[in-house]
């Protein structure tokens, strides 16, 4: 399933990715979960991932503190504040894709527990809100950290329309998201 979803993303044109990113930002900015959050933990999209850069800048312009991940050698995530596009540095991680990460001071892996909303990367989500990630486990660790801390931020995944599917594989440690934002709309899950 991951291979098929990644192949579909690779087939997207740059223009399609840019158009989708603008639509995603517009839809996501309408979410009360993001409007009401003083801090949002997010990520910088790379390649043909659903685009986040317009959204990151718009959140920051609204006065929201945006935290971005820094990949650690064990695949866990540290966090640093996003201070605009110039604060990002390209980072190559052995055996992984090159990422754009914040260059500012590291805040520690627990910084995410203070976020009112967490934007999660993914490849698909199903009708139960179960998210399929890339399989590295970084965000599984984030979700476990939030649970241990008793933190309950809104969990939102950004995807392309066709990545909302009937069912994704699920492991016992997986957590459902609260909402998915696609270029054409928002779908909420849970009570």
N, C-alpha and C. Protein backbone atom coordinates (compact mmCIF):
# COMPACT_ATOMS: atom_id res chain seq x y z
N UNK A 1 0.82 -1.19 0.00
CA UNK A 1 0.00 0.00 0.00
C UNK A 1 0.87 1.27 0.00
N UNK A 2 1.93 1.25 0.80
CA UNK A 2 2.83 2.42 0.83
C UNK A 2 3.46 2.67 -0.54
N UNK A 3 3.93 1.59 -1.18
CA UNK A 3 4.56 1.75 -2.50
C UNK A 3 3.60 2.37 -3.50
N UNK A 4 2.37 1.90 -3.50
CA UNK A 4 1.37 2.41 -4.44
C UNK A 4 1.06 3.88 -4.18
N UNK A 5 0.89 4.25 -2.92
CA UNK A 5 0.60 5.64 -2.57
C UNK A 5 1.77 6.56 -2.92
N UNK A 6 2.99 6.11 -2.64
CA UNK A 6 4.17 6.91 -2.98
C UNK A 6 4.33 7.06 -4.49
N UNK A 7 4.02 6.00 -5.24
CA UNK A 7 4.09 6.07 -6.70
C UNK A 7 3.08 7.09 -7.23
N UNK A 8 1.89 7.11 -6.66
CA UNK A 8 0.88 8.09 -7.08
C UNK A 8 1.36 9.51 -6.81
N UNK A 9 2.01 9.72 -5.67
CA UNK A 9 2.54 11.05 -5.37
C UNK A 9 3.64 11.44 -6.35
N UNK A 10 4.52 10.50 -6.66
CA UNK A 10 5.61 10.81 -7.60
C UNK A 10 5.09 11.19 -8.98
N UNK A 11 3.89 10.73 -9.34
CA UNK A 11 3.31 11.02 -10.64
C UNK A 11 2.68 12.41 -10.71
N UNK A 12 2.54 13.09 -9.57
CA UNK A 12 1.94 14.42 -9.55
C UNK A 12 2.87 15.44 -10.19
N UNK A 13 2.29 16.41 -10.87
CA UNK A 13 3.09 17.49 -11.44
C UNK A 13 3.40 18.52 -10.36
N UNK A 14 4.45 19.30 -10.57
CA UNK A 14 4.78 20.37 -9.62
C UNK A 14 3.62 21.35 -9.48
N UNK A 15 2.96 21.65 -10.60
CA UNK A 15 1.83 22.58 -10.56
C UNK A 15 0.69 22.03 -9.72
N UNK A 16 0.43 20.75 -9.84
CA UNK A 16 -0.63 20.11 -9.05
C UNK A 16 -0.30 20.14 -7.57
N UNK A 17 0.96 19.89 -7.22
CA UNK A 17 1.38 19.92 -5.81
C UNK A 17 1.21 21.34 -5.26
N UNK A 18 1.59 22.35 -6.03
CA UNK A 18 1.46 23.75 -5.57
C UNK A 18 -0.01 24.15 -5.39
N UNK A 19 -0.85 23.77 -6.35
CA UNK A 19 -2.27 24.09 -6.27
C UNK A 19 -2.90 23.41 -5.06
N UNK A 20 -2.55 22.16 -4.83
CA UNK A 20 -3.07 21.43 -3.67
C UNK A 20 -2.60 22.07 -2.37
N UNK A 21 -1.35 22.52 -2.32
CA UNK A 21 -0.81 23.14 -1.11
C UNK A 21 -1.60 24.40 -0.75
N UNK A 22 -1.94 25.20 -1.73
CA UNK A 22 -2.73 26.41 -1.46
C UNK A 22 -4.12 26.04 -0.93
N UNK A 23 -4.74 25.02 -1.54
CA UNK A 23 -6.06 24.59 -1.09
C UNK A 23 -5.99 23.99 0.32
N UNK A 24 -4.94 23.22 0.60
CA UNK A 24 -4.77 22.64 1.94
C UNK A 24 -4.62 23.73 2.99
N UNK A 25 -3.82 24.73 2.69
CA UNK A 25 -3.62 25.83 3.64
C UNK A 25 -4.95 26.54 3.91
N UNK A 26 -5.70 26.82 2.87
CA UNK A 26 -6.99 27.49 3.02
C UNK A 26 -7.93 26.67 3.90
N UNK A 27 -8.04 25.38 3.62
CA UNK A 27 -8.93 24.51 4.40
C UNK A 27 -8.45 24.39 5.85
N UNK A 28 -7.16 24.16 6.03
CA UNK A 28 -6.62 23.96 7.38
C UNK A 28 -6.75 25.22 8.23
N UNK A 29 -6.57 26.37 7.63
CA UNK A 29 -6.66 27.62 8.39
C UNK A 29 -8.08 27.88 8.90
N UNK A 30 -9.06 27.22 8.30
CA UNK A 30 -10.43 27.33 8.77
C UNK A 30 -10.76 26.43 9.94
N UNK A 31 -9.86 25.54 10.31
CA UNK A 31 -10.11 24.62 11.43
C UNK A 31 -10.03 25.36 12.75
N UNK A 32 -11.04 25.26 13.59
CA UNK A 32 -10.94 25.89 14.91
C UNK A 32 -9.79 25.31 15.74
N UNK A 33 -9.46 24.05 15.50
CA UNK A 33 -8.36 23.42 16.23
C UNK A 33 -7.04 24.15 16.00
N UNK A 34 -6.86 24.69 14.80
CA UNK A 34 -5.63 25.45 14.51
C UNK A 34 -5.80 26.91 14.90
N UNK A 35 -6.99 27.46 14.71
CA UNK A 35 -7.23 28.86 15.06
C UNK A 35 -7.08 29.10 16.56
N UNK A 36 -7.51 28.12 17.35
CA UNK A 36 -7.51 28.28 18.81
C UNK A 36 -6.20 27.85 19.47
N UNK A 37 -5.30 27.25 18.72
CA UNK A 37 -4.06 26.75 19.31
C UNK A 37 -3.02 27.87 19.38
N UNK A 38 -2.41 28.02 20.53
CA UNK A 38 -1.30 28.96 20.67
C UNK A 38 -0.03 28.39 20.08
N UNK A 39 0.09 27.06 20.10
CA UNK A 39 1.24 26.36 19.54
C UNK A 39 0.75 25.22 18.67
N UNK A 40 1.31 25.11 17.48
CA UNK A 40 1.01 24.01 16.56
C UNK A 40 2.32 23.32 16.22
N UNK A 41 2.36 22.02 16.45
CA UNK A 41 3.50 21.21 15.99
C UNK A 41 3.17 20.76 14.57
N UNK A 42 4.07 21.02 13.65
CA UNK A 42 3.82 20.74 12.25
C UNK A 42 5.05 20.07 11.65
N UNK A 43 5.20 20.14 10.34
CA UNK A 43 6.36 19.59 9.65
C UNK A 43 6.51 20.31 8.32
N UNK A 44 7.68 20.24 7.74
CA UNK A 44 7.93 20.84 6.44
C UNK A 44 7.79 19.74 5.39
N UNK A 45 6.84 19.92 4.50
CA UNK A 45 6.65 18.92 3.44
C UNK A 45 7.86 18.91 2.52
N UNK A 46 8.14 17.73 1.98
CA UNK A 46 9.23 17.57 1.02
C UNK A 46 8.70 16.82 -0.19
N UNK A 47 9.31 17.08 -1.33
CA UNK A 47 8.92 16.38 -2.56
C UNK A 47 7.46 16.60 -2.88
N UNK A 48 6.77 15.51 -3.15
CA UNK A 48 5.36 15.58 -3.54
C UNK A 48 4.41 15.37 -2.36
N UNK A 49 4.93 15.48 -1.12
CA UNK A 49 4.03 15.41 0.04
C UNK A 49 3.03 16.55 -0.06
N UNK A 50 1.82 16.36 0.49
CA UNK A 50 0.89 17.49 0.54
C UNK A 50 1.58 18.69 1.20
N UNK A 51 1.57 19.81 0.50
CA UNK A 51 2.38 20.96 0.90
C UNK A 51 1.96 21.63 2.19
N UNK A 52 2.96 21.98 2.99
CA UNK A 52 2.71 22.65 4.27
C UNK A 52 3.28 24.06 4.35
N UNK A 53 4.11 24.46 3.44
CA UNK A 53 4.82 25.73 3.63
C UNK A 53 3.91 26.94 3.68
N UNK A 54 2.89 27.00 2.81
CA UNK A 54 1.94 28.12 2.87
C UNK A 54 1.25 28.14 4.23
N UNK A 55 0.89 26.98 4.72
CA UNK A 55 0.21 26.87 6.01
C UNK A 55 1.12 27.30 7.16
N UNK A 56 2.37 26.87 7.13
CA UNK A 56 3.31 27.25 8.19
C UNK A 56 3.44 28.77 8.28
N UNK A 57 3.60 29.40 7.12
CA UNK A 57 3.77 30.86 7.11
C UNK A 57 2.49 31.57 7.56
N UNK A 58 1.33 31.07 7.13
CA UNK A 58 0.07 31.69 7.53
C UNK A 58 -0.16 31.56 9.04
N UNK A 59 0.15 30.39 9.60
CA UNK A 59 0.01 30.21 11.05
C UNK A 59 0.92 31.20 11.79
N UNK A 60 2.15 31.28 11.33
CA UNK A 60 3.11 32.18 11.97
C UNK A 60 2.65 33.64 11.89
N UNK A 61 2.10 34.03 10.73
CA UNK A 61 1.59 35.40 10.56
C UNK A 61 0.43 35.68 11.51
N UNK A 62 -0.32 34.65 11.89
CA UNK A 62 -1.43 34.80 12.83
C UNK A 62 -0.95 34.89 14.28
N UNK A 63 0.35 34.71 14.49
CA UNK A 63 0.88 34.76 15.85
C UNK A 63 0.94 33.41 16.53
N UNK A 64 0.71 32.34 15.78
CA UNK A 64 0.79 30.99 16.34
C UNK A 64 2.27 30.60 16.42
N UNK A 65 2.65 30.01 17.52
CA UNK A 65 4.00 29.46 17.65
C UNK A 65 4.00 28.12 16.91
N UNK A 66 4.87 27.98 15.93
CA UNK A 66 4.94 26.75 15.13
C UNK A 66 6.22 26.01 15.50
N UNK A 67 6.05 24.76 15.91
CA UNK A 67 7.20 23.89 16.19
C UNK A 67 7.38 22.93 15.03
N UNK A 68 8.63 22.73 14.64
CA UNK A 68 8.94 21.79 13.56
C UNK A 68 9.89 20.72 14.07
N UNK A 69 9.79 19.52 13.51
CA UNK A 69 10.62 18.41 14.00
C UNK A 69 12.04 18.45 13.47
N UNK A 70 12.90 17.87 14.29
CA UNK A 70 14.30 17.63 13.92
C UNK A 70 14.50 16.12 14.14
N UNK A 71 14.81 15.41 13.08
CA UNK A 71 14.97 13.96 13.18
C UNK A 71 16.25 13.60 13.93
N UNK A 72 16.11 12.77 14.94
CA UNK A 72 17.25 12.30 15.74
C UNK A 72 17.77 10.98 15.16
N UNK A 73 19.00 10.59 15.50
CA UNK A 73 19.58 9.36 14.94
C UNK A 73 18.75 8.09 15.20
N UNK A 74 17.98 8.08 16.30
CA UNK A 74 17.17 6.89 16.60
C UNK A 74 15.75 6.99 16.03
N UNK A 75 15.50 7.94 15.12
CA UNK A 75 14.20 8.20 14.48
C UNK A 75 13.19 8.90 15.38
N UNK A 76 13.57 9.24 16.61
CA UNK A 76 12.70 10.05 17.44
C UNK A 76 12.79 11.49 16.93
N UNK A 77 11.95 12.37 17.45
CA UNK A 77 11.93 13.75 16.99
C UNK A 77 12.19 14.73 18.13
N UNK A 78 13.11 15.64 17.89
CA UNK A 78 13.30 16.82 18.72
C UNK A 78 12.46 17.91 18.05
N UNK A 79 12.36 19.09 18.64
CA UNK A 79 11.55 20.16 18.09
C UNK A 79 12.28 21.49 18.21
N UNK A 80 11.99 22.39 17.28
CA UNK A 80 12.52 23.75 17.32
C UNK A 80 11.47 24.67 16.72
N UNK A 81 11.52 25.93 17.10
CA UNK A 81 10.55 26.91 16.60
C UNK A 81 10.84 27.25 15.15
N UNK A 82 9.76 27.49 14.41
CA UNK A 82 9.84 27.94 13.03
C UNK A 82 9.82 29.46 13.02
N UNK A 83 10.87 30.05 12.47
CA UNK A 83 10.98 31.51 12.41
C UNK A 83 10.97 32.02 10.98
N UNK A 84 10.28 31.32 10.10
CA UNK A 84 10.19 31.72 8.71
C UNK A 84 11.07 30.88 7.80
N UNK A 85 10.88 31.00 6.50
CA UNK A 85 11.62 30.17 5.54
C UNK A 85 13.14 30.22 5.69
N UNK A 86 13.67 31.37 6.07
CA UNK A 86 15.12 31.49 6.21
C UNK A 86 15.66 30.70 7.39
N UNK A 87 14.77 30.27 8.29
CA UNK A 87 15.22 29.52 9.47
C UNK A 87 15.35 28.02 9.19
N UNK A 88 15.07 27.61 7.96
CA UNK A 88 15.14 26.19 7.60
C UNK A 88 16.47 25.86 6.96
N UNK A 89 16.97 24.68 7.28
CA UNK A 89 18.23 24.21 6.69
C UNK A 89 18.01 22.81 6.13
N UNK A 90 18.55 22.57 4.95
CA UNK A 90 18.49 21.23 4.37
C UNK A 90 19.38 20.29 5.15
N UNK A 91 18.84 19.13 5.51
CA UNK A 91 19.58 18.15 6.30
C UNK A 91 19.47 16.79 5.64
N UNK A 92 20.60 16.17 5.38
CA UNK A 92 20.61 14.81 4.83
C UNK A 92 20.81 13.83 5.97
N UNK A 93 19.92 12.88 6.06
CA UNK A 93 20.01 11.83 7.08
C UNK A 93 20.37 10.53 6.38
N UNK A 94 21.33 9.81 6.92
CA UNK A 94 21.80 8.57 6.29
C UNK A 94 20.64 7.63 6.01
N UNK A 95 20.52 7.21 4.76
CA UNK A 95 19.51 6.24 4.37
C UNK A 95 18.09 6.78 4.32
N UNK A 96 17.91 8.08 4.48
CA UNK A 96 16.57 8.66 4.46
C UNK A 96 16.55 9.83 3.49
N UNK A 97 15.35 10.32 3.23
CA UNK A 97 15.22 11.47 2.34
C UNK A 97 15.80 12.71 3.00
N UNK A 98 16.23 13.66 2.20
CA UNK A 98 16.71 14.93 2.72
C UNK A 98 15.51 15.71 3.25
N UNK A 99 15.69 16.35 4.39
CA UNK A 99 14.61 17.08 5.04
C UNK A 99 14.99 18.54 5.21
N UNK A 100 13.99 19.39 5.33
CA UNK A 100 14.20 20.76 5.75
C UNK A 100 13.83 20.82 7.22
N UNK A 101 14.78 21.25 8.04
CA UNK A 101 14.59 21.28 9.48
C UNK A 101 14.91 22.67 10.02
N UNK A 102 14.29 23.04 11.14
CA UNK A 102 14.58 24.35 11.72
C UNK A 102 16.01 24.39 12.26
N UNK A 103 16.67 25.51 12.05
CA UNK A 103 18.07 25.64 12.47
C UNK A 103 18.22 26.20 13.88
N UNK A 104 17.12 26.61 14.49
CA UNK A 104 17.17 27.25 15.80
C UNK A 104 17.44 26.29 16.94
N UNK A 105 17.43 26.82 18.16
CA UNK A 105 17.71 26.00 19.35
C UNK A 105 16.73 24.86 19.50
N UNK A 106 17.27 23.72 19.90
CA UNK A 106 16.45 22.53 20.13
C UNK A 106 15.71 22.66 21.45
N UNK A 107 14.44 22.23 21.43
CA UNK A 107 13.59 22.37 22.61
C UNK A 107 13.36 21.05 23.33
N UNK A 108 13.83 19.95 22.75
CA UNK A 108 13.67 18.64 23.36
C UNK A 108 12.46 17.90 22.82
N UNK A 109 12.48 16.57 22.87
CA UNK A 109 11.37 15.77 22.36
C UNK A 109 10.04 16.04 23.06
N UNK A 110 10.07 16.47 24.31
CA UNK A 110 8.82 16.71 25.04
C UNK A 110 8.16 18.04 24.69
N UNK A 111 8.81 18.88 23.90
CA UNK A 111 8.22 20.18 23.55
C UNK A 111 6.87 20.01 22.86
N UNK A 112 6.68 18.92 22.16
CA UNK A 112 5.42 18.67 21.44
C UNK A 112 4.24 18.55 22.40
N UNK A 113 4.49 18.21 23.64
CA UNK A 113 3.38 18.02 24.59
C UNK A 113 2.68 19.33 24.93
N UNK A 114 3.28 20.46 24.60
CA UNK A 114 2.65 21.75 24.84
C UNK A 114 1.86 22.27 23.66
N UNK A 115 1.78 21.51 22.59
CA UNK A 115 1.06 21.96 21.39
C UNK A 115 -0.45 21.76 21.56
N UNK A 116 -1.22 22.69 21.05
CA UNK A 116 -2.67 22.55 21.05
C UNK A 116 -3.16 21.74 19.87
N UNK A 117 -2.33 21.65 18.83
CA UNK A 117 -2.65 20.84 17.65
C UNK A 117 -1.35 20.29 17.10
N UNK A 118 -1.42 19.08 16.54
CA UNK A 118 -0.27 18.44 15.91
C UNK A 118 -0.68 18.05 14.50
N UNK A 119 0.05 18.59 13.52
CA UNK A 119 -0.14 18.19 12.13
C UNK A 119 0.79 17.01 11.86
N UNK A 120 0.20 15.90 11.45
CA UNK A 120 0.96 14.67 11.23
C UNK A 120 1.11 14.39 9.74
N UNK A 121 2.29 14.01 9.31
CA UNK A 121 2.42 13.56 7.92
C UNK A 121 1.80 12.17 7.80
N UNK A 122 1.43 11.81 6.62
CA UNK A 122 0.87 10.48 6.41
C UNK A 122 0.80 10.16 4.94
N UNK A 123 0.45 8.92 4.67
CA UNK A 123 0.24 8.49 3.29
C UNK A 123 -1.23 8.22 3.01
N UNK A 124 -1.98 7.89 4.06
CA UNK A 124 -3.41 7.63 3.91
C UNK A 124 -4.07 7.67 5.28
N UNK A 125 -5.37 7.82 5.28
CA UNK A 125 -6.19 7.70 6.48
C UNK A 125 -7.47 6.99 6.06
N UNK A 126 -8.02 6.22 6.99
CA UNK A 126 -9.26 5.51 6.65
C UNK A 126 -10.45 6.12 7.39
N UNK A 127 -11.61 5.53 7.18
CA UNK A 127 -12.84 6.06 7.74
C UNK A 127 -12.92 6.04 9.25
N UNK A 128 -12.00 5.33 9.90
CA UNK A 128 -11.95 5.31 11.37
C UNK A 128 -10.99 6.36 11.90
N UNK A 129 -10.27 7.02 10.98
CA UNK A 129 -9.26 7.99 11.39
C UNK A 129 -7.89 7.38 11.60
N UNK A 130 -7.74 6.11 11.25
CA UNK A 130 -6.43 5.47 11.39
C UNK A 130 -5.51 5.96 10.26
N UNK A 131 -4.31 6.36 10.64
CA UNK A 131 -3.34 6.96 9.73
C UNK A 131 -2.27 5.95 9.34
N UNK A 132 -1.93 5.94 8.07
CA UNK A 132 -0.81 5.15 7.59
C UNK A 132 0.35 6.10 7.33
N UNK A 133 1.44 5.92 8.07
CA UNK A 133 2.62 6.75 7.88
C UNK A 133 3.61 6.06 6.95
N UNK A 134 4.82 6.56 6.93
CA UNK A 134 5.85 5.99 6.07
C UNK A 134 6.49 4.74 6.66
N UNK A 135 6.26 4.48 7.93
CA UNK A 135 6.77 3.24 8.53
C UNK A 135 8.03 3.41 9.35
N UNK A 136 8.51 4.65 9.53
CA UNK A 136 9.72 4.87 10.32
C UNK A 136 9.49 4.92 11.82
N UNK A 137 8.26 5.14 12.24
CA UNK A 137 7.92 5.14 13.65
C UNK A 137 8.12 6.45 14.38
N UNK A 138 8.61 7.49 13.71
CA UNK A 138 8.86 8.77 14.39
C UNK A 138 7.59 9.34 15.02
N UNK A 139 6.52 9.36 14.25
CA UNK A 139 5.29 9.94 14.78
C UNK A 139 4.56 8.98 15.71
N UNK A 140 4.80 7.69 15.61
CA UNK A 140 4.27 6.76 16.62
C UNK A 140 4.87 7.11 17.98
N UNK A 141 6.14 7.48 17.99
CA UNK A 141 6.79 7.90 19.24
C UNK A 141 6.21 9.21 19.76
N UNK A 142 5.92 10.12 18.85
CA UNK A 142 5.31 11.39 19.25
C UNK A 142 3.96 11.13 19.88
N UNK A 143 3.14 10.30 19.25
CA UNK A 143 1.81 10.03 19.77
C UNK A 143 1.88 9.31 21.12
N UNK A 144 2.83 8.40 21.27
CA UNK A 144 3.01 7.72 22.57
C UNK A 144 3.46 8.73 23.64
N UNK A 145 4.33 9.67 23.26
CA UNK A 145 4.81 10.70 24.20
C UNK A 145 3.64 11.58 24.67
N UNK A 146 2.78 11.95 23.73
CA UNK A 146 1.60 12.76 24.08
C UNK A 146 0.71 12.00 25.05
N UNK A 147 0.50 10.72 24.79
CA UNK A 147 -0.35 9.91 25.66
C UNK A 147 0.24 9.80 27.06
N UNK A 148 1.56 9.54 27.15
CA UNK A 148 2.22 9.43 28.46
C UNK A 148 2.12 10.72 29.25
N UNK A 149 2.17 11.85 28.54
CA UNK A 149 2.13 13.16 29.20
C UNK A 149 0.70 13.59 29.54
N UNK A 150 -0.27 12.83 29.10
CA UNK A 150 -1.66 13.23 29.32
C UNK A 150 -2.06 14.42 28.47
N UNK A 151 -1.33 14.67 27.39
CA UNK A 151 -1.62 15.78 26.49
C UNK A 151 -2.64 15.31 25.44
N UNK A 152 -3.57 16.19 25.10
CA UNK A 152 -4.62 15.83 24.16
C UNK A 152 -4.79 16.89 23.07
N UNK A 153 -3.73 17.12 22.29
CA UNK A 153 -3.87 18.09 21.20
C UNK A 153 -4.75 17.52 20.09
N UNK A 154 -5.27 18.40 19.26
CA UNK A 154 -5.98 17.96 18.06
C UNK A 154 -4.95 17.31 17.13
N UNK A 155 -5.26 16.13 16.62
CA UNK A 155 -4.37 15.42 15.70
C UNK A 155 -4.97 15.52 14.31
N UNK A 156 -4.23 16.17 13.41
CA UNK A 156 -4.73 16.45 12.06
C UNK A 156 -3.71 15.97 11.04
N UNK A 157 -4.18 15.27 10.01
CA UNK A 157 -3.31 14.81 8.94
C UNK A 157 -3.70 15.53 7.65
N UNK A 158 -2.70 15.91 6.87
CA UNK A 158 -2.92 16.58 5.58
C UNK A 158 -2.66 15.57 4.47
N UNK A 159 -3.63 15.39 3.59
CA UNK A 159 -3.51 14.39 2.52
C UNK A 159 -4.13 14.90 1.23
N UNK A 160 -3.85 14.19 0.15
CA UNK A 160 -4.56 14.41 -1.11
C UNK A 160 -5.90 13.68 -1.01
N UNK A 161 -6.87 14.12 -1.79
CA UNK A 161 -8.22 13.54 -1.72
C UNK A 161 -8.23 12.03 -1.86
N UNK A 162 -7.48 11.51 -2.80
CA UNK A 162 -7.51 10.06 -3.08
C UNK A 162 -6.79 9.24 -2.00
N UNK A 163 -6.19 9.89 -1.02
CA UNK A 163 -5.50 9.17 0.06
C UNK A 163 -6.39 8.92 1.27
N UNK A 164 -7.65 9.32 1.17
CA UNK A 164 -8.65 8.93 2.17
C UNK A 164 -9.25 7.64 1.62
N UNK A 165 -8.94 6.54 2.30
CA UNK A 165 -9.24 5.20 1.76
C UNK A 165 -10.18 4.44 2.69
N UNK A 166 -10.63 3.28 2.23
CA UNK A 166 -11.57 2.47 3.02
C UNK A 166 -10.93 1.95 4.30
N UNK A 167 -9.69 1.46 4.20
CA UNK A 167 -9.05 0.87 5.38
C UNK A 167 -7.54 0.86 5.20
N UNK A 168 -6.83 1.16 6.28
CA UNK A 168 -5.36 1.05 6.28
C UNK A 168 -4.97 -0.04 7.29
N UNK A 169 -3.81 -0.66 7.09
CA UNK A 169 -3.34 -1.62 8.09
C UNK A 169 -3.15 -0.93 9.43
N UNK A 170 -3.38 -1.67 10.49
CA UNK A 170 -3.33 -1.08 11.83
C UNK A 170 -2.52 -1.97 12.76
N UNK A 171 -1.71 -1.34 13.59
CA UNK A 171 -0.93 -2.03 14.63
C UNK A 171 -1.52 -1.65 15.98
N UNK A 172 -1.28 -2.45 17.03
CA UNK A 172 -1.84 -2.14 18.35
C UNK A 172 -1.45 -0.76 18.89
N UNK A 173 -0.27 -0.25 18.51
CA UNK A 173 0.18 1.04 19.04
C UNK A 173 -0.36 2.23 18.26
N UNK A 174 -1.08 2.01 17.16
CA UNK A 174 -1.57 3.11 16.33
C UNK A 174 -2.67 3.88 17.03
N UNK A 175 -2.71 5.19 16.77
CA UNK A 175 -3.72 6.08 17.33
C UNK A 175 -4.49 6.72 16.18
N UNK A 176 -5.80 6.87 16.30
CA UNK A 176 -6.54 7.57 15.25
C UNK A 176 -6.31 9.08 15.34
N UNK A 177 -6.44 9.73 14.19
CA UNK A 177 -6.38 11.19 14.15
C UNK A 177 -7.79 11.73 14.35
N UNK A 178 -7.88 13.01 14.62
CA UNK A 178 -9.18 13.65 14.84
C UNK A 178 -9.78 14.20 13.55
N UNK A 179 -8.90 14.55 12.59
CA UNK A 179 -9.39 15.12 11.34
C UNK A 179 -8.37 14.91 10.23
N UNK A 180 -8.88 14.88 9.02
CA UNK A 180 -8.03 14.88 7.83
C UNK A 180 -8.44 16.09 7.00
N UNK A 181 -7.45 16.80 6.50
CA UNK A 181 -7.67 17.93 5.61
C UNK A 181 -7.16 17.53 4.23
N UNK A 182 -8.01 17.67 3.22
CA UNK A 182 -7.61 17.43 1.83
C UNK A 182 -7.89 18.71 1.05
N UNK A 183 -7.41 18.81 -0.17
CA UNK A 183 -7.70 20.02 -0.94
C UNK A 183 -9.19 20.30 -1.10
N UNK A 184 -10.03 19.26 -1.05
CA UNK A 184 -11.46 19.49 -1.27
C UNK A 184 -12.27 19.59 0.01
N UNK A 185 -11.67 19.34 1.17
CA UNK A 185 -12.48 19.45 2.38
C UNK A 185 -11.83 18.91 3.64
N UNK A 186 -12.64 18.87 4.70
CA UNK A 186 -12.21 18.39 6.01
C UNK A 186 -13.15 17.26 6.42
N UNK A 187 -12.57 16.22 6.96
CA UNK A 187 -13.38 15.13 7.50
C UNK A 187 -12.92 14.89 8.94
N UNK A 188 -13.88 14.79 9.84
CA UNK A 188 -13.58 14.57 11.26
C UNK A 188 -13.90 13.14 11.64
N UNK A 189 -13.18 12.66 12.68
CA UNK A 189 -13.36 11.30 13.15
C UNK A 189 -13.60 11.31 14.64
N UNK A 190 -14.19 10.24 15.14
CA UNK A 190 -14.35 10.09 16.58
C UNK A 190 -15.59 10.75 17.11
N UNK A 191 -15.72 10.74 18.45
CA UNK A 191 -16.92 11.27 19.07
C UNK A 191 -17.04 12.77 18.89
